[in-house]
Amino acid sequence: MGVSERLPVGRVRTGDGDGMCPQRGALEHVTSRWGTLALIALLDRSYRFSELRREIGKVSEKMLTQTLQTLERDGLVHRDAKPVIPPRVDYSLTDLGREAAQQVRALAQWTERRMAAIQQAREEYDAAKA
C-alpha cells in the first residue's frame, strides 16, 4: 500500500469523542475471534451453518449466528437460504469478504510463522517482570 493509500492512524484508532469511526467498527468485526475464523474457513468454500460451526469449533450457535449476521451486514458474507424442506442455508464470501479474508489469513499465517519469536519475547518479558 502506497503512502497516498494509507488511512491516517487516527481515522482507525479514535472516534469523534462521542462514538466510534466506521472503519474501527468494521475492523473489529473482521478481526473478532469468530469473525476471523469464519472468514478464513469461508475462503475454502461455502458452508452450511452446522458445517461451518464444526469447522470453526468451540463456537456457540448464538455467537456464530451473531457473527455471520454482522459480517453479512458489512457486505462480507452472503447468506443463501434455499426454500426447501428441511431448510438449507449456505454461507459464502462476497468479493469484498474474500478480499478481507485474504488479509486476515495473511496475518494468521504470519502469526503462525513467527510464534517462536513471540513466545521467546513473552518469556523474556515475564522473566524481566519476575
N, C-alpha and C. Protein backbone atom coordinates (compact mmCIF):
# COMPACT_ATOMS: atom_id res chain seq x y z
N MET A 1 0.84 -1.16 0.00
CA MET A 1 0.00 0.00 0.00
C MET A 1 0.89 1.23 0.00
N GLY A 2 0.66 2.12 -0.93
CA GLY A 2 1.45 3.33 -1.01
C GLY A 2 1.05 4.33 0.06
N VAL A 3 1.91 5.34 0.24
CA VAL A 3 1.66 6.34 1.27
C VAL A 3 0.33 7.03 1.03
N SER A 4 -0.01 7.31 -0.23
CA SER A 4 -1.26 8.02 -0.52
C SER A 4 -2.48 7.16 -0.25
N GLU A 5 -2.33 5.82 -0.17
CA GLU A 5 -3.45 4.93 0.06
C GLU A 5 -3.69 4.65 1.54
N ARG A 6 -2.77 5.01 2.40
CA ARG A 6 -2.89 4.72 3.82
C ARG A 6 -3.90 5.63 4.47
N LEU A 7 -4.67 5.05 5.37
CA LEU A 7 -5.57 5.86 6.19
C LEU A 7 -4.77 6.49 7.30
N PRO A 8 -5.09 7.72 7.66
CA PRO A 8 -4.42 8.30 8.82
C PRO A 8 -4.71 7.41 10.04
N VAL A 9 -3.70 7.20 10.86
CA VAL A 9 -3.83 6.32 12.01
C VAL A 9 -5.02 6.73 12.86
N GLY A 10 -5.20 8.00 13.10
CA GLY A 10 -6.30 8.49 13.92
C GLY A 10 -7.67 8.11 13.38
N ARG A 11 -7.80 7.91 12.09
CA ARG A 11 -9.09 7.55 11.50
C ARG A 11 -9.51 6.16 11.92
N VAL A 12 -8.54 5.30 12.25
CA VAL A 12 -8.87 3.94 12.66
C VAL A 12 -8.92 3.83 14.18
N ARG A 13 -8.00 4.47 14.85
CA ARG A 13 -7.87 4.31 16.29
C ARG A 13 -8.92 5.04 17.11
N THR A 14 -9.32 6.21 16.66
CA THR A 14 -10.18 7.02 17.52
C THR A 14 -11.46 7.41 16.80
N GLY A 15 -12.44 7.74 17.58
CA GLY A 15 -13.69 8.25 17.03
C GLY A 15 -13.73 9.75 17.18
N ASP A 16 -14.92 10.31 17.12
CA ASP A 16 -15.07 11.75 17.22
C ASP A 16 -15.27 12.22 18.66
N GLY A 17 -15.06 11.33 19.60
CA GLY A 17 -15.25 11.66 21.01
C GLY A 17 -16.58 11.15 21.52
N ASP A 18 -17.58 11.14 20.66
CA ASP A 18 -18.90 10.66 21.05
C ASP A 18 -19.15 9.23 20.61
N GLY A 19 -18.40 8.75 19.64
CA GLY A 19 -18.65 7.42 19.10
C GLY A 19 -17.42 6.87 18.43
N MET A 20 -17.65 5.84 17.67
CA MET A 20 -16.54 5.14 17.03
C MET A 20 -16.61 5.40 15.53
N CYS A 21 -15.48 5.61 14.89
CA CYS A 21 -15.48 5.81 13.45
C CYS A 21 -15.89 4.50 12.76
N PRO A 22 -16.48 4.58 11.57
CA PRO A 22 -16.98 3.37 10.92
C PRO A 22 -15.88 2.36 10.58
N GLN A 23 -14.68 2.83 10.27
CA GLN A 23 -13.60 1.90 9.97
C GLN A 23 -13.26 1.04 11.17
N ARG A 24 -13.29 1.63 12.33
CA ARG A 24 -12.96 0.88 13.54
C ARG A 24 -13.98 -0.22 13.80
N GLY A 25 -15.26 0.08 13.60
CA GLY A 25 -16.29 -0.93 13.78
C GLY A 25 -16.11 -2.09 12.81
N ALA A 26 -15.86 -1.77 11.55
CA ALA A 26 -15.65 -2.83 10.54
C ALA A 26 -14.39 -3.64 10.87
N LEU A 27 -13.35 -2.96 11.31
CA LEU A 27 -12.12 -3.66 11.69
C LEU A 27 -12.37 -4.62 12.84
N GLU A 28 -13.16 -4.19 13.81
CA GLU A 28 -13.47 -5.07 14.94
C GLU A 28 -14.27 -6.28 14.50
N HIS A 29 -15.16 -6.13 13.54
CA HIS A 29 -15.93 -7.26 13.05
C HIS A 29 -15.03 -8.27 12.34
N VAL A 30 -14.15 -7.77 11.50
CA VAL A 30 -13.25 -8.65 10.73
C VAL A 30 -12.25 -9.34 11.62
N THR A 31 -11.78 -8.64 12.65
CA THR A 31 -10.72 -9.20 13.49
C THR A 31 -11.22 -9.79 14.80
N SER A 32 -12.53 -9.89 14.96
CA SER A 32 -13.05 -10.55 16.16
C SER A 32 -12.67 -12.02 16.12
N ARG A 33 -12.71 -12.65 17.28
CA ARG A 33 -12.31 -14.06 17.37
C ARG A 33 -13.05 -14.92 16.36
N TRP A 34 -14.37 -14.84 16.35
CA TRP A 34 -15.16 -15.71 15.48
C TRP A 34 -15.24 -15.17 14.06
N GLY A 35 -15.18 -13.85 13.91
CA GLY A 35 -15.18 -13.27 12.57
C GLY A 35 -13.97 -13.71 11.77
N THR A 36 -12.82 -13.67 12.40
CA THR A 36 -11.58 -14.10 11.76
C THR A 36 -11.67 -15.56 11.32
N LEU A 37 -12.10 -16.42 12.23
CA LEU A 37 -12.16 -17.85 11.93
C LEU A 37 -13.21 -18.16 10.85
N ALA A 38 -14.33 -17.46 10.89
CA ALA A 38 -15.36 -17.67 9.87
C ALA A 38 -14.86 -17.23 8.51
N LEU A 39 -14.24 -16.08 8.44
CA LEU A 39 -13.73 -15.58 7.15
C LEU A 39 -12.69 -16.53 6.57
N ILE A 40 -11.76 -16.99 7.39
CA ILE A 40 -10.71 -17.89 6.91
C ILE A 40 -11.32 -19.20 6.43
N ALA A 41 -12.27 -19.75 7.18
CA ALA A 41 -12.91 -21.00 6.76
C ALA A 41 -13.64 -20.83 5.43
N LEU A 42 -14.34 -19.71 5.27
CA LEU A 42 -15.12 -19.49 4.06
C LEU A 42 -14.27 -19.21 2.83
N LEU A 43 -12.97 -18.98 3.03
CA LEU A 43 -12.07 -18.85 1.88
C LEU A 43 -12.01 -20.14 1.08
N ASP A 44 -12.13 -21.27 1.76
CA ASP A 44 -12.02 -22.57 1.09
C ASP A 44 -13.24 -22.89 0.25
N ARG A 45 -14.43 -22.61 0.81
CA ARG A 45 -15.67 -22.97 0.11
C ARG A 45 -16.86 -22.41 0.88
N SER A 46 -18.04 -22.57 0.32
CA SER A 46 -19.24 -22.20 1.06
C SER A 46 -19.56 -23.31 2.05
N TYR A 47 -20.26 -22.95 3.11
CA TYR A 47 -20.61 -23.90 4.16
C TYR A 47 -22.06 -23.73 4.56
N ARG A 48 -22.69 -24.82 4.94
CA ARG A 48 -23.95 -24.76 5.67
C ARG A 48 -23.59 -24.36 7.10
N PHE A 49 -24.57 -23.84 7.82
CA PHE A 49 -24.31 -23.33 9.17
C PHE A 49 -23.65 -24.38 10.05
N SER A 50 -24.23 -25.58 10.11
CA SER A 50 -23.70 -26.61 11.00
C SER A 50 -22.30 -27.05 10.58
N GLU A 51 -22.04 -27.09 9.29
CA GLU A 51 -20.69 -27.43 8.81
C GLU A 51 -19.68 -26.38 9.23
N LEU A 52 -20.06 -25.12 9.08
CA LEU A 52 -19.17 -24.03 9.45
C LEU A 52 -18.90 -24.04 10.95
N ARG A 53 -19.93 -24.32 11.72
CA ARG A 53 -19.76 -24.38 13.18
C ARG A 53 -18.77 -25.48 13.56
N ARG A 54 -18.89 -26.64 12.91
CA ARG A 54 -17.94 -27.74 13.18
C ARG A 54 -16.53 -27.37 12.71
N GLU A 55 -16.43 -26.72 11.56
CA GLU A 55 -15.12 -26.32 11.02
C GLU A 55 -14.41 -25.35 11.96
N ILE A 56 -15.14 -24.40 12.49
CA ILE A 56 -14.56 -23.41 13.40
C ILE A 56 -14.27 -24.03 14.76
N GLY A 57 -15.23 -24.78 15.29
CA GLY A 57 -15.04 -25.44 16.58
C GLY A 57 -15.21 -24.51 17.76
N LYS A 58 -15.84 -25.01 18.82
CA LYS A 58 -15.99 -24.33 20.11
C LYS A 58 -16.68 -22.97 20.03
N VAL A 59 -17.54 -22.78 19.04
CA VAL A 59 -18.32 -21.55 18.97
C VAL A 59 -19.79 -21.93 19.19
N SER A 60 -20.47 -21.15 20.01
CA SER A 60 -21.88 -21.43 20.26
C SER A 60 -22.71 -21.08 19.03
N GLU A 61 -23.86 -21.69 18.95
CA GLU A 61 -24.77 -21.41 17.83
C GLU A 61 -25.14 -19.93 17.82
N LYS A 62 -25.43 -19.39 19.00
CA LYS A 62 -25.81 -17.98 19.11
C LYS A 62 -24.69 -17.06 18.65
N MET A 63 -23.47 -17.33 19.08
CA MET A 63 -22.34 -16.46 18.72
C MET A 63 -22.03 -16.54 17.22
N LEU A 64 -22.10 -17.74 16.65
CA LEU A 64 -21.84 -17.86 15.22
C LEU A 64 -22.94 -17.15 14.43
N THR A 65 -24.18 -17.28 14.87
CA THR A 65 -25.29 -16.59 14.20
C THR A 65 -25.06 -15.08 14.22
N GLN A 66 -24.71 -14.55 15.38
CA GLN A 66 -24.46 -13.10 15.50
C GLN A 66 -23.28 -12.67 14.62
N THR A 67 -22.23 -13.47 14.62
CA THR A 67 -21.05 -13.15 13.82
C THR A 67 -21.39 -13.12 12.34
N LEU A 68 -22.09 -14.14 11.86
CA LEU A 68 -22.46 -14.21 10.44
C LEU A 68 -23.39 -13.07 10.06
N GLN A 69 -24.33 -12.71 10.94
CA GLN A 69 -25.22 -11.59 10.66
C GLN A 69 -24.45 -10.28 10.55
N THR A 70 -23.48 -10.10 11.43
CA THR A 70 -22.66 -8.89 11.40
C THR A 70 -21.84 -8.83 10.12
N LEU A 71 -21.21 -9.95 9.76
CA LEU A 71 -20.41 -9.99 8.54
C LEU A 71 -21.28 -9.83 7.29
N GLU A 72 -22.49 -10.35 7.35
CA GLU A 72 -23.43 -10.18 6.23
C GLU A 72 -23.82 -8.70 6.12
N ARG A 73 -24.11 -8.07 7.24
CA ARG A 73 -24.47 -6.65 7.23
C ARG A 73 -23.35 -5.79 6.68
N ASP A 74 -22.10 -6.16 6.97
CA ASP A 74 -20.94 -5.42 6.47
C ASP A 74 -20.64 -5.73 5.00
N GLY A 75 -21.39 -6.65 4.41
CA GLY A 75 -21.19 -6.97 3.00
C GLY A 75 -20.08 -7.97 2.74
N LEU A 76 -19.67 -8.71 3.76
CA LEU A 76 -18.56 -9.64 3.63
C LEU A 76 -19.02 -11.08 3.40
N VAL A 77 -20.19 -11.41 3.90
CA VAL A 77 -20.72 -12.77 3.80
C VAL A 77 -22.07 -12.73 3.09
N HIS A 78 -22.29 -13.72 2.25
CA HIS A 78 -23.57 -13.88 1.56
C HIS A 78 -24.30 -15.06 2.18
N ARG A 79 -25.56 -14.84 2.54
CA ARG A 79 -26.41 -15.88 3.11
C ARG A 79 -27.41 -16.29 2.04
N ASP A 80 -27.38 -17.56 1.66
CA ASP A 80 -28.26 -18.07 0.61
C ASP A 80 -29.22 -19.08 1.24
N ALA A 81 -30.46 -18.64 1.49
CA ALA A 81 -31.48 -19.50 2.08
C ALA A 81 -32.30 -20.12 0.94
N LYS A 82 -32.27 -21.42 0.86
CA LYS A 82 -33.00 -22.12 -0.19
C LYS A 82 -34.36 -22.57 0.35
N PRO A 83 -35.42 -22.36 -0.41
CA PRO A 83 -36.77 -22.71 0.07
C PRO A 83 -37.07 -24.19 -0.11
N VAL A 84 -36.42 -25.01 0.70
CA VAL A 84 -36.63 -26.45 0.65
C VAL A 84 -36.95 -26.95 2.06
N ILE A 85 -37.41 -28.19 2.13
CA ILE A 85 -37.70 -28.81 3.42
C ILE A 85 -36.75 -30.00 3.55
N PRO A 86 -35.93 -30.10 4.56
CA PRO A 86 -35.69 -29.09 5.60
C PRO A 86 -34.98 -27.87 5.02
N PRO A 87 -35.08 -26.73 5.70
CA PRO A 87 -34.44 -25.51 5.20
C PRO A 87 -32.94 -25.70 5.02
N ARG A 88 -32.42 -25.09 3.97
CA ARG A 88 -30.97 -25.15 3.71
C ARG A 88 -30.46 -23.73 3.55
N VAL A 89 -29.46 -23.40 4.34
CA VAL A 89 -28.84 -22.08 4.26
C VAL A 89 -27.34 -22.28 4.06
N ASP A 90 -26.82 -21.66 3.02
CA ASP A 90 -25.39 -21.71 2.74
C ASP A 90 -24.79 -20.33 2.94
N TYR A 91 -23.56 -20.32 3.43
CA TYR A 91 -22.83 -19.08 3.64
C TYR A 91 -21.59 -19.10 2.76
N SER A 92 -21.32 -17.97 2.12
CA SER A 92 -20.14 -17.83 1.28
C SER A 92 -19.63 -16.40 1.40
N LEU A 93 -18.45 -16.17 0.86
CA LEU A 93 -17.88 -14.83 0.89
C LEU A 93 -18.32 -14.03 -0.33
N THR A 94 -18.54 -12.76 -0.13
CA THR A 94 -18.71 -11.84 -1.25
C THR A 94 -17.32 -11.50 -1.76
N ASP A 95 -17.23 -10.73 -2.83
CA ASP A 95 -15.91 -10.30 -3.31
C ASP A 95 -15.20 -9.48 -2.24
N LEU A 96 -15.95 -8.61 -1.59
CA LEU A 96 -15.38 -7.80 -0.51
C LEU A 96 -14.93 -8.69 0.65
N GLY A 97 -15.73 -9.70 0.96
CA GLY A 97 -15.38 -10.63 2.02
C GLY A 97 -14.15 -11.45 1.70
N ARG A 98 -14.01 -11.85 0.43
CA ARG A 98 -12.83 -12.61 0.01
C ARG A 98 -11.58 -11.76 0.19
N GLU A 99 -11.67 -10.50 -0.17
CA GLU A 99 -10.54 -9.59 -0.01
C GLU A 99 -10.15 -9.46 1.46
N ALA A 100 -11.14 -9.26 2.33
CA ALA A 100 -10.88 -9.15 3.76
C ALA A 100 -10.32 -10.45 4.32
N ALA A 101 -10.90 -11.57 3.90
CA ALA A 101 -10.46 -12.88 4.40
C ALA A 101 -9.01 -13.17 4.01
N GLN A 102 -8.62 -12.76 2.83
CA GLN A 102 -7.23 -12.98 2.41
C GLN A 102 -6.27 -12.18 3.28
N GLN A 103 -6.67 -10.97 3.66
CA GLN A 103 -5.83 -10.16 4.54
C GLN A 103 -5.74 -10.78 5.94
N VAL A 104 -6.86 -11.23 6.45
CA VAL A 104 -6.90 -11.85 7.78
C VAL A 104 -6.08 -13.14 7.78
N ARG A 105 -6.22 -13.94 6.72
CA ARG A 105 -5.46 -15.18 6.63
C ARG A 105 -3.97 -14.90 6.58
N ALA A 106 -3.56 -13.85 5.86
CA ALA A 106 -2.14 -13.49 5.80
C ALA A 106 -1.61 -13.16 7.20
N LEU A 107 -2.40 -12.43 7.98
CA LEU A 107 -1.99 -12.12 9.35
C LEU A 107 -1.91 -13.39 10.20
N ALA A 108 -2.89 -14.28 10.04
CA ALA A 108 -2.87 -15.55 10.78
C ALA A 108 -1.64 -16.38 10.40
N GLN A 109 -1.30 -16.40 9.13
CA GLN A 109 -0.13 -17.16 8.68
C GLN A 109 1.16 -16.53 9.21
N TRP A 110 1.22 -15.21 9.25
CA TRP A 110 2.38 -14.53 9.82
C TRP A 110 2.53 -14.91 11.29
N THR A 111 1.41 -14.90 12.02
CA THR A 111 1.44 -15.25 13.44
C THR A 111 1.96 -16.67 13.63
N GLU A 112 1.50 -17.57 12.78
CA GLU A 112 1.94 -18.96 12.87
C GLU A 112 3.46 -19.07 12.61
N ARG A 113 3.93 -18.35 11.58
CA ARG A 113 5.37 -18.39 11.25
C ARG A 113 6.23 -17.78 12.35
N ARG A 114 5.72 -16.76 13.02
CA ARG A 114 6.52 -16.00 13.98
C ARG A 114 6.24 -16.37 15.44
N MET A 115 5.49 -17.45 15.67
CA MET A 115 5.09 -17.81 17.03
C MET A 115 6.29 -18.09 17.93
N ALA A 116 7.34 -18.67 17.41
CA ALA A 116 8.52 -18.94 18.24
C ALA A 116 9.11 -17.62 18.76
N ALA A 117 9.20 -16.62 17.90
CA ALA A 117 9.73 -15.33 18.32
C ALA A 117 8.80 -14.65 19.33
N ILE A 118 7.51 -14.79 19.11
CA ILE A 118 6.53 -14.22 20.03
C ILE A 118 6.65 -14.89 21.40
N GLN A 119 6.75 -16.22 21.38
CA GLN A 119 6.87 -16.95 22.65
C GLN A 119 8.16 -16.57 23.38
N GLN A 120 9.24 -16.41 22.65
CA GLN A 120 10.50 -16.00 23.26
C GLN A 120 10.37 -14.61 23.88
N ALA A 121 9.73 -13.70 23.18
CA ALA A 121 9.53 -12.35 23.71
C ALA A 121 8.68 -12.40 24.99
N ARG A 122 7.68 -13.23 25.02
CA ARG A 122 6.85 -13.38 26.21
C ARG A 122 7.66 -13.88 27.40
N GLU A 123 8.47 -14.90 27.13
CA GLU A 123 9.30 -15.46 28.21
C GLU A 123 10.29 -14.44 28.74
N GLU A 124 10.89 -13.67 27.84
CA GLU A 124 11.84 -12.64 28.27
C GLU A 124 11.13 -11.56 29.07
N TYR A 125 9.95 -11.16 28.65
CA TYR A 125 9.17 -10.16 29.35
C TYR A 125 8.81 -10.66 30.74
N ASP A 126 8.30 -11.90 30.81
CA ASP A 126 7.90 -12.47 32.10
C ASP A 126 9.08 -12.60 33.04
N ALA A 127 10.25 -13.00 32.50
CA ALA A 127 11.45 -13.14 33.33
C ALA A 127 11.88 -11.77 33.87
N ALA A 128 11.79 -10.75 33.05
CA ALA A 128 12.19 -9.42 33.48
C ALA A 128 11.23 -8.87 34.54
N LYS A 129 9.98 -9.25 34.49
CA LYS A 129 8.97 -8.79 35.44
C LYS A 129 8.99 -9.57 36.75
N ALA A 130 9.60 -10.77 36.73
CA ALA A 130 9.61 -11.64 37.92
C ALA A 130 10.56 -11.14 38.98
